[in-house]
Amino acid sequence: MDISDATAVLARTPRVLSALLVGLPDEWLHRDDGPRTWSAYDIVGHLLHGDSTNWLPRIRMIREHGLSQRFEPFDRQAMLDWEREPAAALLERLQAVRAASLGELGSLRLTAADLQRRGAHPEFGAVTLEQVMAAWVAHDLTHLAQIGEVLARRYRDDVGPYRAYLPALDGAAPAE
């Protein structure tokens, strides 16, 4: 695990999302694939909530408490209860929280030994700090792909025979 590579990806996510989503009509931003699926807007809220309550807090907990203190379960759907705000404002909040998270992460000056420290996940049991970092990056990339797919599916029926070459159009963006 190269922390600088991981943080380089994590730092890009809010900018990528802003470039893709700011200025899109609400019908695009709030389109989902049906029950128990998320819209692009929901996914941005999920990423914001994760930065606020999940990734960095768990990294801190591993460093400070190791296996002696179990992580709080992560509410994957907390953002669904938030009052809606303009997408640009939500993305600005994600950018600010992500910058603060990465700033604090950098200040921790994680070492190779730190990456092997273990914490207590409520579902998986013992996990390493390295696994948490890798999951944070993979989580961002997974949700970037999910946003692309839920947006593309707006044209599911309009692409005609091209659908045969666009497998993302036949899926759904299930809630994580």
Foldseek 3Di string as FASTA:
>chain_A
DDVVVLLVLLLCLLVVLCVVDPPDDPCQQAFFDDPQFGGVLQLLLLLLQCLVANQLVQLVCLVPPFANDEGDDRDSRPSVPDDDDRSVVSSVSSNVSSVVSVVVVVVVVDDPVQQQGWYQYPPPGTDGNVVSSVVSSVSSVVSVVLNVLSSVLVCLPVVPPCNVVVVSNPDGRGRD
